[in-house]
Amino acid sequence: MKIHFGTKKVQKMGRIALTEALLRNAGIQEGDSVDLYFDATTKAIIVERSPSAEAAEASIGAKRTKNKTKAP
């Protein structure tokens, strides 16, 4: 399912600024890595959060849980 988040112009150097709402819905934050794909059949550009970013977030979450369960 496609959800439209607005229309953007391509800037110099091929840049496109993504909206805060789009990034939030995709679970992408400043500093995260993303993977880029191109579907030649549909001419669609796909931006996905990198698995390494997800692994780093899971690791941080595990550390927080571990620290909460430690006895003083």
Protein backbone atom coordinates (compact mmCIF):
# COMPACT_ATOMS: atom_id res chain seq x y z
CA MET A 1 0.00 0.00 0.00
CA LYS A 2 1.33 3.41 -0.95
CA ILE A 3 0.86 6.47 1.28
CA HIS A 4 1.58 9.88 -0.27
CA PHE A 5 3.78 12.18 1.84
CA GLY A 6 3.93 15.12 -0.56
CA THR A 7 5.86 16.10 -3.66
CA LYS A 8 9.48 17.24 -3.52
CA LYS A 9 11.88 18.72 -6.07
CA VAL A 10 15.25 17.12 -6.58
CA GLN A 11 17.91 19.53 -5.31
CA LYS A 12 21.44 20.05 -6.58
CA MET A 13 23.63 16.98 -6.18
CA GLY A 14 20.49 14.79 -6.49
CA ARG A 15 19.26 15.39 -2.95
CA ILE A 16 15.68 15.00 -1.81
CA ALA A 17 14.65 16.17 1.67
CA LEU A 18 12.36 13.69 3.42
CA THR A 19 9.64 15.01 5.71
CA GLU A 20 9.72 14.47 9.46
CA ALA A 21 6.42 12.57 9.26
CA LEU A 22 7.80 10.19 6.63
CA LEU A 23 10.96 9.51 8.64
CA ARG A 24 8.98 8.97 11.83
CA ASN A 25 6.60 6.53 10.12
CA ALA A 26 9.57 4.65 8.62
CA GLY A 27 11.32 4.49 11.99
CA ILE A 28 14.32 6.41 10.66
CA GLN A 29 16.16 8.95 12.81
CA GLU A 30 19.03 11.33 12.16
CA GLY A 31 22.26 9.33 11.96
CA ASP A 32 20.58 6.05 10.94
CA SER A 33 21.82 4.19 7.89
CA VAL A 34 19.42 3.37 5.06
CA ASP A 35 19.59 0.97 2.13
CA LEU A 36 18.53 2.24 -1.31
CA TYR A 37 17.00 0.01 -3.99
CA PHE A 38 15.72 0.66 -7.50
CA ASP A 39 12.93 -1.43 -9.02
CA ALA A 40 13.54 -1.23 -12.77
CA THR A 41 10.08 -2.61 -13.59
CA THR A 42 8.13 0.09 -11.74
CA LYS A 43 10.93 2.71 -11.74
CA ALA A 44 10.43 3.00 -7.96
CA ILE A 45 13.17 4.05 -5.56
CA ILE A 46 12.91 2.20 -2.27
CA VAL A 47 14.47 3.49 0.96
CA GLU A 48 14.68 0.99 3.82
CA ARG A 49 16.16 1.31 7.25
CA SER A 50 19.42 -0.62 7.25
CA PRO A 51 19.46 -3.90 9.21
CA SER A 52 22.61 -2.61 10.95
CA ALA A 53 20.57 0.34 12.33
CA GLU A 54 17.91 -2.08 13.58
CA ALA A 55 20.57 -4.29 15.21
CA ALA A 56 22.14 -1.28 16.92
CA GLU A 57 18.74 -0.19 18.26
CA ALA A 58 18.03 -3.71 19.53
CA SER A 59 21.42 -3.75 21.25
CA ILE A 60 20.70 -0.42 22.97
CA GLY A 61 17.29 -1.70 24.05
CA ALA A 62 18.87 -4.86 25.48
CA LYS A 63 21.42 -2.80 27.44
CA ARG A 64 18.65 -0.62 28.88
CA THR A 65 16.68 -3.70 29.96
CA LYS A 66 19.80 -5.27 31.48
CA ASN A 67 20.61 -2.10 33.42
CA LYS A 68 17.07 -1.88 34.79
CA THR A 69 17.22 -5.43 36.18
CA LYS A 70 20.57 -4.99 37.94
CA ALA A 71 20.43 -5.02 41.73
CA PRO A 72 22.00 -1.92 43.38
